[in-house]
Amino acid sequence: MTGKKIWFITGAGRGMGVDFAKAALAAGDAVVATGRNPDAVAKAVGDSDDLLVVQLDVTRPQNAEAAVKAAVDRFGGIDVLVNNAASFYAGYFEELTPEQIERQLTTTLIGSMNVTRAVLPIMRTQRSGHVVTISSSAGFAGFEYGTAYAASKFGVEGFMESLAPEVEPFGIHTTIVNPGFFRTELLTNESTNYATASIEDYAQRNAAQREFWESQNGQHPGDPAKLAQALLTLANQDQPPRRFIAGADAIAQAEQQVAQFQAEINAYRDLSSSLALDETQTTSIGSPS
């Protein structure tokens, strides 16, 4: 992919989405910046002749189709889709309501699917494109107090890994981005929703977890502007990676997961390898009586 690109970015009203949009515009590309509140998006991203601000609720498939149509009508195509819109429902699984978990999955996983489904016909026609989905280190490592969030991000991982070979024959690339802790607005009241503490057995740990997560707002070491520049680098590669682990903390966590995975494989290798059907048994089962 060379020359001026057309970016379609979800969740561009705050957080990383704003940095992604600003970086692409500064690089001379065109940007379709979307969000549920287009006024907030326009205020956050600023003015540019190469900018189109479009209202988009990713949980609504028809809304996604309309936003994509607006993008194509204005710029003629879409080169890079960045699935960035997400939310954070924090809490112990037993205290999270089914409705909260559903909202988490609907925004983060189904929302990414809705937008990708609307964009893919454009990219297939072009025989080119790049689908980037912002996952998390929680996409490969679950954590206490994060059952809903990690479930949504693990779902994103499975979706993107399976999508990659489906669309590769059409010249469409895919990249999963796994950021560690970046200083975004994820932990603000607008983006984070906490389960209501209701079970005494969790009370003490619940209070500690709530205090920890609230204290982390605005304290994370990662720079979203640098991540945006990294994304530009990836988008300009002829063969972008299928996965980009973003941040030293995310790399450390990934390496820990790989080591643990390998240790568990080794510990149970003999048992795991003993589970094939016995050939004599197979022959006996298949032989006529």
C-alpha atoms as a PDB file:
ATOM      1  CA  MET A   1       0.000   0.000   0.000  1.00  0.00           C
ATOM      2  CA  THR A   2       1.596   3.268  -1.123  1.00  0.00           C
ATOM      3  CA  GLY A   3       0.470   6.843  -1.618  1.00  0.00           C
ATOM      4  CA  LYS A   4      -2.385   8.591   0.106  1.00  0.00           C
ATOM      5  CA  LYS A   5      -4.520   6.251   2.144  1.00  0.00           C
ATOM      6  CA  ILE A   6      -8.103   6.495   3.314  1.00  0.00           C
ATOM      7  CA  TRP A   7      -8.523   5.547   6.967  1.00  0.00           C
ATOM      8  CA  PHE A   8     -11.819   4.558   8.592  1.00  0.00           C
ATOM      9  CA  ILE A   9     -11.456   4.801  12.379  1.00  0.00           C
ATOM     10  CA  THR A  10     -14.077   3.859  14.964  1.00  0.00           C
ATOM     11  CA  GLY A  11     -14.210   5.345  18.440  1.00  0.00           C
ATOM     12  CA  ALA A  12     -12.486   8.530  17.290  1.00  0.00           C
ATOM     13  CA  GLY A  13     -14.155  10.818  19.800  1.00  0.00           C
ATOM     14  CA  ARG A  14     -11.633  10.190  22.572  1.00  0.00           C
ATOM     15  CA  GLY A  15      -8.718   8.008  23.584  1.00  0.00           C
ATOM     16  CA  MET A  16      -6.502   6.259  21.047  1.00  0.00           C
ATOM     17  CA  GLY A  17      -8.936   6.881  18.214  1.00  0.00           C
ATOM     18  CA  VAL A  18      -8.196  10.610  18.356  1.00  0.00           C
ATOM     19  CA  ASP A  19      -4.453   9.987  18.179  1.00  0.00           C
ATOM     20  CA  PHE A  20      -4.887   7.573  15.264  1.00  0.00           C
ATOM     21  CA  ALA A  21      -6.951  10.097  13.320  1.00  0.00           C
ATOM     22  CA  LYS A  22      -4.603  13.014  13.980  1.00  0.00           C
ATOM     23  CA  ALA A  23      -1.536  10.983  13.013  1.00  0.00           C
ATOM     24  CA  ALA A  24      -3.058   9.827   9.736  1.00  0.00           C
ATOM     25  CA  LEU A  25      -4.114  13.377   8.839  1.00  0.00           C
ATOM     26  CA  ALA A  26      -0.664  14.731   9.718  1.00  0.00           C
ATOM     27  CA  ALA A  27       0.840  12.113   7.405  1.00  0.00           C
ATOM     28  CA  GLY A  28      -1.232  13.498   4.535  1.00  0.00           C
ATOM     29  CA  ASP A  29      -3.825  10.738   4.481  1.00  0.00           C
ATOM     30  CA  ALA A  30      -7.609  11.062   4.434  1.00  0.00           C
ATOM     31  CA  VAL A  31      -9.564  10.063   7.522  1.00  0.00           C
ATOM     32  CA  VAL A  32     -13.140   9.041   8.203  1.00  0.00           C
ATOM     33  CA  ALA A  33     -13.407   9.603  11.943  1.00  0.00           C
ATOM     34  CA  THR A  34     -16.468   8.013  13.499  1.00  0.00           C
ATOM     35  CA  GLY A  35     -18.169   7.936  16.864  1.00  0.00           C
ATOM     36  CA  ARG A  36     -21.557   7.882  18.515  1.00  0.00           C
ATOM     37  CA  ASN A  37     -21.324  11.647  19.051  1.00  0.00           C
ATOM     38  CA  PRO A  38     -20.038  13.284  15.849  1.00  0.00           C
ATOM     39  CA  ASP A  39     -19.785  16.700  17.530  1.00  0.00           C
ATOM     40  CA  ALA A  40     -17.389  15.251  20.092  1.00  0.00           C
ATOM     41  CA  VAL A  41     -15.374  13.606  17.300  1.00  0.00           C
ATOM     42  CA  ALA A  42     -15.112  16.856  15.335  1.00  0.00           C
ATOM     43  CA  LYS A  43     -14.040  18.757  18.444  1.00  0.00           C
ATOM     44  CA  ALA A  44     -11.417  16.167  19.367  1.00  0.00           C
ATOM     45  CA  VAL A  45      -9.897  15.640  15.923  1.00  0.00           C
ATOM     46  CA  GLY A  46     -10.109  19.198  14.556  1.00  0.00           C
ATOM     47  CA  ASP A  47     -10.632  20.543  11.045  1.00  0.00           C
ATOM     48  CA  SER A  48      -9.121  19.272   7.817  1.00  0.00           C
ATOM     49  CA  ASP A  49     -10.103  19.087   4.169  1.00  0.00           C
ATOM     50  CA  ASP A  50      -9.132  15.411   4.315  1.00  0.00           C
ATOM     51  CA  LEU A  51     -11.407  14.674   7.290  1.00  0.00           C
ATOM     52  CA  LEU A  52     -14.935  13.321   7.231  1.00  0.00           C
ATOM     53  CA  VAL A  53     -16.724  12.977  10.564  1.00  0.00           C
ATOM     54  CA  VAL A  54     -19.530  10.418  10.568  1.00  0.00           C
ATOM     55  CA  GLN A  55     -21.932   9.285  13.269  1.00  0.00           C
ATOM     56  CA  LEU A  56     -21.496   5.596  14.031  1.00  0.00           C
ATOM     57  CA  ASP A  57     -22.785   3.317  16.748  1.00  0.00           C
ATOM     58  CA  VAL A  58     -20.836   0.128  16.075  1.00  0.00           C
ATOM     59  CA  THR A  59     -23.499  -2.010  17.740  1.00  0.00           C
ATOM     60  CA  ARG A  60     -25.930  -1.190  14.905  1.00  0.00           C
ATOM     61  CA  PRO A  61     -25.159  -2.955  11.594  1.00  0.00           C
ATOM     62  CA  GLN A  62     -27.259  -0.558   9.504  1.00  0.00           C
ATOM     63  CA  ASN A  63     -25.431   2.355  11.134  1.00  0.00           C
ATOM     64  CA  ALA A  64     -22.127   0.798  10.063  1.00  0.00           C
ATOM     65  CA  GLU A  65     -23.338   0.343   6.503  1.00  0.00           C
ATOM     66  CA  ALA A  66     -24.450   3.977   6.321  1.00  0.00           C
ATOM     67  CA  ALA A  67     -21.116   5.224   7.680  1.00  0.00           C
ATOM     68  CA  VAL A  68     -19.161   3.147   5.168  1.00  0.00           C
ATOM     69  CA  LYS A  69     -21.351   4.436   2.325  1.00  0.00           C
ATOM     70  CA  ALA A  70     -20.665   8.010   3.439  1.00  0.00           C
ATOM     71  CA  ALA A  71     -16.932   7.272   3.447  1.00  0.00           C
ATOM     72  CA  VAL A  72     -16.979   5.826  -0.062  1.00  0.00           C
ATOM     73  CA  ASP A  73     -19.160   8.637  -1.370  1.00  0.00           C
ATOM     74  CA  ARG A  74     -16.625  11.178  -0.079  1.00  0.00           C
ATOM     75  CA  PHE A  75     -13.283   9.498  -0.733  1.00  0.00           C
ATOM     76  CA  GLY A  76     -14.020   6.655  -3.167  1.00  0.00           C
ATOM     77  CA  GLY A  77     -12.786   3.783  -1.036  1.00  0.00           C
ATOM     78  CA  ILE A  78     -11.298   2.623   2.265  1.00  0.00           C
ATOM     79  CA  ASP A  79      -7.707   1.479   2.613  1.00  0.00           C
ATOM     80  CA  VAL A  80      -7.285   1.033   6.365  1.00  0.00           C
ATOM     81  CA  LEU A  81     -10.026   0.120   8.817  1.00  0.00           C
ATOM     82  CA  VAL A  82      -9.167   0.614  12.474  1.00  0.00           C
ATOM     83  CA  ASN A  83     -11.617  -1.126  14.799  1.00  0.00           C
ATOM     84  CA  ASN A  84     -10.921   0.884  17.922  1.00  0.00           C
ATOM     85  CA  ALA A  85     -14.288   1.458  19.628  1.00  0.00           C
ATOM     86  CA  ALA A  86     -14.513  -0.411  22.935  1.00  0.00           C
ATOM     87  CA  SER A  87     -15.633  -0.193  26.530  1.00  0.00           C
ATOM     88  CA  PHE A  88     -14.565  -1.706  29.862  1.00  0.00           C
ATOM     89  CA  TYR A  89     -16.977  -3.490  32.192  1.00  0.00           C
ATOM     90  CA  ALA A  90     -14.912  -4.295  35.263  1.00  0.00           C
ATOM     91  CA  GLY A  91     -15.844  -6.558  38.133  1.00  0.00           C
ATOM     92  CA  TYR A  92     -15.979 -10.082  39.430  1.00  0.00           C
ATOM     93  CA  PHE A  93     -17.881 -12.408  37.140  1.00  0.00           C
ATOM     94  CA  GLU A  94     -20.568 -13.285  39.687  1.00  0.00           C
ATOM     95  CA  GLU A  95     -21.281  -9.613  40.283  1.00  0.00           C
ATOM     96  CA  LEU A  96     -21.375  -8.565  36.646  1.00  0.00           C
ATOM     97  CA  THR A  97     -24.926  -8.743  35.337  1.00  0.00           C
ATOM     98  CA  PRO A  98     -25.752 -10.630  32.133  1.00  0.00           C
ATOM     99  CA  GLU A  99     -26.715  -7.279  30.621  1.00  0.00           C
ATOM    100  CA  GLN A 100     -23.294  -5.789  31.411  1.00  0.00           C
ATOM    101  CA  ILE A 101     -21.495  -8.744  29.892  1.00  0.00           C
ATOM    102  CA  GLU A 102     -23.697  -8.578  26.814  1.00  0.00           C
ATOM    103  CA  ARG A 103     -22.952  -4.868  26.387  1.00  0.00           C
ATOM    104  CA  GLN A 104     -19.224  -5.565  26.696  1.00  0.00           C
ATOM    105  CA  LEU A 105     -19.344  -8.257  24.019  1.00  0.00           C
ATOM    106  CA  THR A 106     -21.667  -6.278  21.781  1.00  0.00           C
ATOM    107  CA  THR A 107     -19.478  -3.184  21.689  1.00  0.00           C
ATOM    108  CA  THR A 108     -16.029  -4.713  21.561  1.00  0.00           C
ATOM    109  CA  LEU A 109     -16.555  -7.938  19.601  1.00  0.00           C
ATOM    110  CA  ILE A 110     -19.824  -7.676  17.686  1.00  0.00           C
ATOM    111  CA  GLY A 111     -19.173  -3.995  16.997  1.00  0.00           C
ATOM    112  CA  SER A 112     -15.871  -4.817  15.308  1.00  0.00           C
ATOM    113  CA  MET A 113     -17.616  -7.524  13.301  1.00  0.00           C
ATOM    114  CA  ASN A 114     -20.402  -5.150  12.235  1.00  0.00           C
ATOM    115  CA  VAL A 115     -17.994  -2.546  10.895  1.00  0.00           C
ATOM    116  CA  THR A 116     -15.670  -5.081   9.277  1.00  0.00           C
ATOM    117  CA  ARG A 117     -18.625  -6.736   7.539  1.00  0.00           C
ATOM    118  CA  ALA A 118     -19.635  -3.363   6.100  1.00  0.00           C
ATOM    119  CA  VAL A 119     -16.101  -2.513   4.930  1.00  0.00           C
ATOM    120  CA  LEU A 120     -15.011  -5.830   3.414  1.00  0.00           C
ATOM    121  CA  PRO A 121     -17.096  -5.567   0.201  1.00  0.00           C
ATOM    122  CA  ILE A 122     -15.298  -2.293  -0.555  1.00  0.00           C
ATOM    123  CA  MET A 123     -11.869  -3.827   0.060  1.00  0.00           C
ATOM    124  CA  ARG A 124     -12.724  -6.945  -1.944  1.00  0.00           C
ATOM    125  CA  THR A 125     -13.718  -4.779  -4.906  1.00  0.00           C
ATOM    126  CA  GLN A 126     -10.451  -2.861  -4.581  1.00  0.00           C
ATOM    127  CA  ARG A 127      -8.521  -6.127  -4.102  1.00  0.00           C
ATOM    128  CA  SER A 128      -6.627  -4.323  -1.364  1.00  0.00           C
ATOM    129  CA  GLY A 129      -7.048  -3.135   2.195  1.00  0.00           C
ATOM    130  CA  HIS A 130      -5.894  -3.501   5.772  1.00  0.00           C
ATOM    131  CA  VAL A 131      -8.182  -4.407   8.692  1.00  0.00           C
ATOM    132  CA  VAL A 132      -6.635  -3.402  12.011  1.00  0.00           C
ATOM    133  CA  THR A 133      -8.400  -4.313  15.237  1.00  0.00           C
ATOM    134  CA  ILE A 134      -7.270  -2.948  18.585  1.00  0.00           C
ATOM    135  CA  SER A 135      -7.266  -5.816  21.029  1.00  0.00           C
ATOM    136  CA  SER A 136      -5.310  -5.731  24.298  1.00  0.00           C
ATOM    137  CA  SER A 137      -2.845  -7.705  26.348  1.00  0.00           C
ATOM    138  CA  ALA A 138      -6.132  -8.953  27.824  1.00  0.00           C
ATOM    139  CA  GLY A 139      -6.662 -10.635  24.459  1.00  0.00           C
ATOM    140  CA  PHE A 140      -4.042 -13.245  25.271  1.00  0.00           C
ATOM    141  CA  ALA A 141      -3.943 -13.112  29.100  1.00  0.00           C
ATOM    142  CA  GLY A 142      -7.017 -12.935  31.299  1.00  0.00           C
ATOM    143  CA  PHE A 143      -6.886 -11.158  34.639  1.00  0.00           C
ATOM    144  CA  GLU A 144      -8.800 -10.971  37.902  1.00  0.00           C
ATOM    145  CA  TYR A 145     -11.690  -8.478  37.714  1.00  0.00           C
ATOM    146  CA  GLY A 146     -11.593  -8.638  33.916  1.00  0.00           C
ATOM    147  CA  THR A 147     -13.744 -11.602  32.900  1.00  0.00           C
ATOM    148  CA  ALA A 148     -16.082  -9.599  30.660  1.00  0.00           C
ATOM    149  CA  TYR A 149     -13.359  -7.456  29.120  1.00  0.00           C
ATOM    150  CA  ALA A 150     -10.974 -10.352  28.487  1.00  0.00           C
ATOM    151  CA  ALA A 151     -13.784 -12.468  27.044  1.00  0.00           C
ATOM    152  CA  SER A 152     -14.525  -9.739  24.510  1.00  0.00           C
ATOM    153  CA  LYS A 153     -10.866  -9.321  23.591  1.00  0.00           C
ATOM    154  CA  PHE A 154     -10.263 -13.092  23.346  1.00  0.00           C
ATOM    155  CA  GLY A 155     -13.260 -13.119  20.989  1.00  0.00           C
ATOM    156  CA  VAL A 156     -11.670 -10.385  18.891  1.00  0.00           C
ATOM    157  CA  GLU A 157      -8.510 -12.481  18.646  1.00  0.00           C
ATOM    158  CA  GLY A 158     -10.378 -15.539  17.357  1.00  0.00           C
ATOM    159  CA  PHE A 159     -12.360 -13.428  14.918  1.00  0.00           C
ATOM    160  CA  MET A 160      -9.299 -11.732  13.451  1.00  0.00           C
ATOM    161  CA  GLU A 161      -7.103 -14.827  13.315  1.00  0.00           C
ATOM    162  CA  SER A 162      -9.837 -16.692  11.449  1.00  0.00           C
ATOM    163  CA  LEU A 163     -10.626 -13.757   9.181  1.00  0.00           C
ATOM    164  CA  ALA A 164      -7.031 -13.421   7.993  1.00  0.00           C
ATOM    165  CA  PRO A 165      -6.908 -16.490   5.691  1.00  0.00           C
ATOM    166  CA  GLU A 166     -10.438 -15.792   4.448  1.00  0.00           C
ATOM    167  CA  VAL A 167      -9.600 -12.361   3.055  1.00  0.00           C
ATOM    168  CA  GLU A 168      -5.920 -12.766   2.199  1.00  0.00           C
ATOM    169  CA  PRO A 169      -6.692 -14.048  -1.347  1.00  0.00           C
ATOM    170  CA  PHE A 170      -8.340 -10.671  -2.048  1.00  0.00           C
ATOM    171  CA  GLY A 171      -5.200  -8.711  -1.145  1.00  0.00           C
ATOM    172  CA  ILE A 172      -6.609  -7.731   2.241  1.00  0.00           C
ATOM    173  CA  HIS A 173      -4.259  -7.752   5.232  1.00  0.00           C
ATOM    174  CA  THR A 174      -5.249  -8.052   8.882  1.00  0.00           C
ATOM    175  CA  THR A 175      -3.442  -6.970  12.040  1.00  0.00           C
ATOM    176  CA  ILE A 176      -4.311  -7.525  15.685  1.00  0.00           C
ATOM    177  CA  VAL A 177      -2.825  -4.834  17.925  1.00  0.00           C
ATOM    178  CA  ASN A 178      -2.241  -5.821  21.563  1.00  0.00           C
ATOM    179  CA  PRO A 179      -1.519  -2.678  23.568  1.00  0.00           C
ATOM    180  CA  GLY A 180      -0.364  -2.875  27.152  1.00  0.00           C
ATOM    181  CA  PHE A 181      -1.166   0.013  29.495  1.00  0.00           C
ATOM    182  CA  PHE A 182      -1.425   3.245  27.525  1.00  0.00           C
ATOM    183  CA  ARG A 183      -2.444   6.604  28.926  1.00  0.00           C
ATOM    184  CA  THR A 184      -5.876   6.814  27.353  1.00  0.00           C
ATOM    185  CA  GLU A 185      -9.367   7.564  28.612  1.00  0.00           C
ATOM    186  CA  LEU A 186     -10.282   3.890  29.022  1.00  0.00           C
ATOM    187  CA  LEU A 187     -10.439   4.181  32.820  1.00  0.00           C
ATOM    188  CA  THR A 188     -12.491   7.375  32.902  1.00  0.00           C
ATOM    189  CA  ASN A 189     -16.118   7.332  33.993  1.00  0.00           C
ATOM    190  CA  GLU A 190     -17.177   7.629  30.339  1.00  0.00           C
ATOM    191  CA  SER A 191     -15.458   4.371  29.360  1.00  0.00           C
ATOM    192  CA  THR A 192     -15.327   2.191  32.478  1.00  0.00           C
ATOM    193  CA  ASN A 193     -18.356   0.646  34.135  1.00  0.00           C
ATOM    194  CA  TYR A 194     -18.009  -1.243  37.414  1.00  0.00           C
ATOM    195  CA  ALA A 195     -20.109  -4.134  38.638  1.00  0.00           C
ATOM    196  CA  THR A 196     -22.119  -3.378  41.763  1.00  0.00           C
ATOM    197  CA  ALA A 197     -20.526  -5.032  44.772  1.00  0.00           C
ATOM    198  CA  SER A 198     -23.139  -7.484  46.035  1.00  0.00           C
ATOM    199  CA  ILE A 199     -21.426 -10.649  47.302  1.00  0.00           C
ATOM    200  CA  GLU A 200     -19.739 -10.584  50.693  1.00  0.00           C
ATOM    201  CA  ASP A 201     -17.132 -13.195  49.744  1.00  0.00           C
ATOM    202  CA  TYR A 202     -15.681 -10.738  47.210  1.00  0.00           C
ATOM    203  CA  ALA A 203     -16.066  -7.585  49.321  1.00  0.00           C
ATOM    204  CA  GLN A 204     -12.482  -7.084  50.496  1.00  0.00           C
ATOM    205  CA  ARG A 205     -10.880  -7.925  47.146  1.00  0.00           C
ATOM    206  CA  ASN A 206     -13.524  -5.889  45.358  1.00  0.00           C
ATOM    207  CA  ALA A 207     -12.625  -2.758  47.287  1.00  0.00           C
ATOM    208  CA  ALA A 208      -8.927  -3.280  46.581  1.00  0.00           C
ATOM    209  CA  GLN A 209      -9.523  -3.857  42.869  1.00  0.00           C
ATOM    210  CA  ARG A 210     -11.756  -0.805  42.548  1.00  0.00           C
ATOM    211  CA  GLU A 211      -9.160   1.344  44.300  1.00  0.00           C
ATOM    212  CA  PHE A 212      -6.414   0.003  42.042  1.00  0.00           C
ATOM    213  CA  TRP A 213      -8.202   0.602  38.769  1.00  0.00           C
ATOM    214  CA  GLU A 214      -9.374   4.074  39.742  1.00  0.00           C
ATOM    215  CA  SER A 215      -5.825   4.982  40.796  1.00  0.00           C
ATOM    216  CA  GLN A 216      -4.462   3.885  37.404  1.00  0.00           C
ATOM    217  CA  ASN A 217      -6.444   6.460  35.447  1.00  0.00           C
ATOM    218  CA  GLY A 218      -3.927   8.778  33.804  1.00  0.00           C
ATOM    219  CA  GLN A 219      -0.920   6.897  35.190  1.00  0.00           C
ATOM    220  CA  HIS A 220      -0.151   4.341  32.482  1.00  0.00           C
ATOM    221  CA  PRO A 221       3.282   4.576  30.816  1.00  0.00           C
ATOM    222  CA  GLY A 222       2.343   4.036  27.164  1.00  0.00           C
ATOM    223  CA  ASP A 223       2.118   7.057  24.840  1.00  0.00           C
ATOM    224  CA  PRO A 224      -0.913   6.808  22.497  1.00  0.00           C
ATOM    225  CA  ALA A 225       0.685   9.265  20.052  1.00  0.00           C
ATOM    226  CA  LYS A 226       3.654   6.925  19.645  1.00  0.00           C
ATOM    227  CA  LEU A 227       1.312   3.983  19.140  1.00  0.00           C
ATOM    228  CA  ALA A 228      -0.424   5.992  16.418  1.00  0.00           C
ATOM    229  CA  GLN A 229       2.919   6.512  14.685  1.00  0.00           C
ATOM    230  CA  ALA A 230       3.633   2.788  14.983  1.00  0.00           C
ATOM    231  CA  LEU A 231       0.283   2.092  13.340  1.00  0.00           C
ATOM    232  CA  LEU A 232       1.236   4.361  10.437  1.00  0.00           C
ATOM    233  CA  THR A 233       4.454   2.390  10.052  1.00  0.00           C
ATOM    234  CA  LEU A 234       2.562  -0.902   9.938  1.00  0.00           C
ATOM    235  CA  ALA A 235       0.006   0.424   7.470  1.00  0.00           C
ATOM    236  CA  ASN A 236       2.781   1.435   5.084  1.00  0.00           C
ATOM    237  CA  GLN A 237       4.327  -2.022   4.944  1.00  0.00           C
ATOM    238  CA  ASP A 238       3.688  -4.257   1.956  1.00  0.00           C
ATOM    239  CA  GLN A 239       3.257  -7.221   4.320  1.00  0.00           C
ATOM    240  CA  PRO A 240       2.098  -5.905   7.698  1.00  0.00           C
ATOM    241  CA  PRO A 241       2.220  -8.309  10.629  1.00  0.00           C
ATOM    242  CA  ARG A 242      -0.844 -10.263  11.639  1.00  0.00           C
ATOM    243  CA  ARG A 243      -0.097  -9.272  15.230  1.00  0.00           C
ATOM    244  CA  PHE A 244       1.644  -6.299  16.794  1.00  0.00           C
ATOM    245  CA  ILE A 245       2.293  -6.380  20.533  1.00  0.00           C
ATOM    246  CA  ALA A 246       2.493  -2.747  21.626  1.00  0.00           C
ATOM    247  CA  GLY A 247       4.502  -1.700  24.641  1.00  0.00           C
ATOM    248  CA  ALA A 248       7.287  -3.227  26.720  1.00  0.00           C
ATOM    249  CA  ASP A 249       4.771  -4.264  29.373  1.00  0.00           C
ATOM    250  CA  ALA A 250       2.684  -6.109  26.780  1.00  0.00           C
ATOM    251  CA  ILE A 251       5.786  -7.869  25.452  1.00  0.00           C
ATOM    252  CA  ALA A 252       6.723  -8.995  28.970  1.00  0.00           C
ATOM    253  CA  GLN A 253       3.221 -10.323  29.556  1.00  0.00           C
ATOM    254  CA  ALA A 254       3.177 -12.109  26.204  1.00  0.00           C
ATOM    255  CA  GLU A 255       6.524 -13.742  26.910  1.00  0.00           C
ATOM    256  CA  GLN A 256       5.255 -14.866  30.311  1.00  0.00           C
ATOM    257  CA  GLN A 257       2.176 -16.389  28.673  1.00  0.00           C
ATOM    258  CA  VAL A 258       4.272 -18.170  26.050  1.00  0.00           C
ATOM    259  CA  ALA A 259       6.559 -19.591  28.739  1.00  0.00           C
ATOM    260  CA  GLN A 260       3.594 -20.757  30.828  1.00  0.00           C
ATOM    261  CA  PHE A 261       1.934 -22.278  27.774  1.00  0.00           C
ATOM    262  CA  GLN A 262       5.101 -24.150  26.862  1.00  0.00           C
ATOM    263  CA  ALA A 263       5.584 -25.361  30.446  1.00  0.00           C
ATOM    264  CA  GLU A 264       2.057 -26.769  30.543  1.00  0.00           C
ATOM    265  CA  ILE A 265       2.536 -28.463  27.167  1.00  0.00           C
ATOM    266  CA  ASN A 266       5.719 -30.086  28.417  1.00  0.00           C
ATOM    267  CA  ALA A 267       4.245 -31.104  31.768  1.00  0.00           C
ATOM    268  CA  TYR A 268       1.401 -33.021  30.141  1.00  0.00           C
ATOM    269  CA  ARG A 269       2.995 -33.945  26.814  1.00  0.00           C
ATOM    270  CA  ASP A 270       2.909 -37.707  27.454  1.00  0.00           C
ATOM    271  CA  LEU A 271      -0.732 -37.670  28.583  1.00  0.00           C
ATOM    272  CA  SER A 272      -1.768 -35.452  25.688  1.00  0.00           C
ATOM    273  CA  SER A 273       0.092 -37.608  23.173  1.00  0.00           C
ATOM    274  CA  SER A 274      -1.553 -40.794  24.424  1.00  0.00           C
ATOM    275  CA  LEU A 275      -5.063 -39.905  23.310  1.00  0.00           C
ATOM    276  CA  ALA A 276      -5.063 -41.193  19.720  1.00  0.00           C
ATOM    277  CA  LEU A 277      -7.241 -44.137  18.795  1.00  0.00           C
ATOM    278  CA  ASP A 278      -5.363 -47.446  18.892  1.00  0.00           C
ATOM    279  CA  GLU A 279      -4.955 -48.774  15.330  1.00  0.00           C
ATOM    280  CA  THR A 280      -6.018 -52.293  16.268  1.00  0.00           C
ATOM    281  CA  GLN A 281      -9.079 -50.850  17.961  1.00  0.00           C
ATOM    282  CA  THR A 282      -9.846 -48.782  14.860  1.00  0.00           C
ATOM    283  CA  THR A 283      -9.526 -51.860  12.642  1.00  0.00           C
ATOM    284  CA  SER A 284     -11.765 -53.842  14.951  1.00  0.00           C
ATOM    285  CA  ILE A 285     -14.398 -51.123  14.959  1.00  0.00           C
ATOM    286  CA  GLY A 286     -14.353 -50.892  11.153  1.00  0.00           C
ATOM    287  CA  SER A 287     -14.322 -54.647  10.440  1.00  0.00           C
ATOM    288  CA  PRO A 288     -17.535 -56.475   9.487  1.00  0.00           C
ATOM    289  CA  SER A 289     -18.863 -58.852  12.128  1.00  0.00           C
END
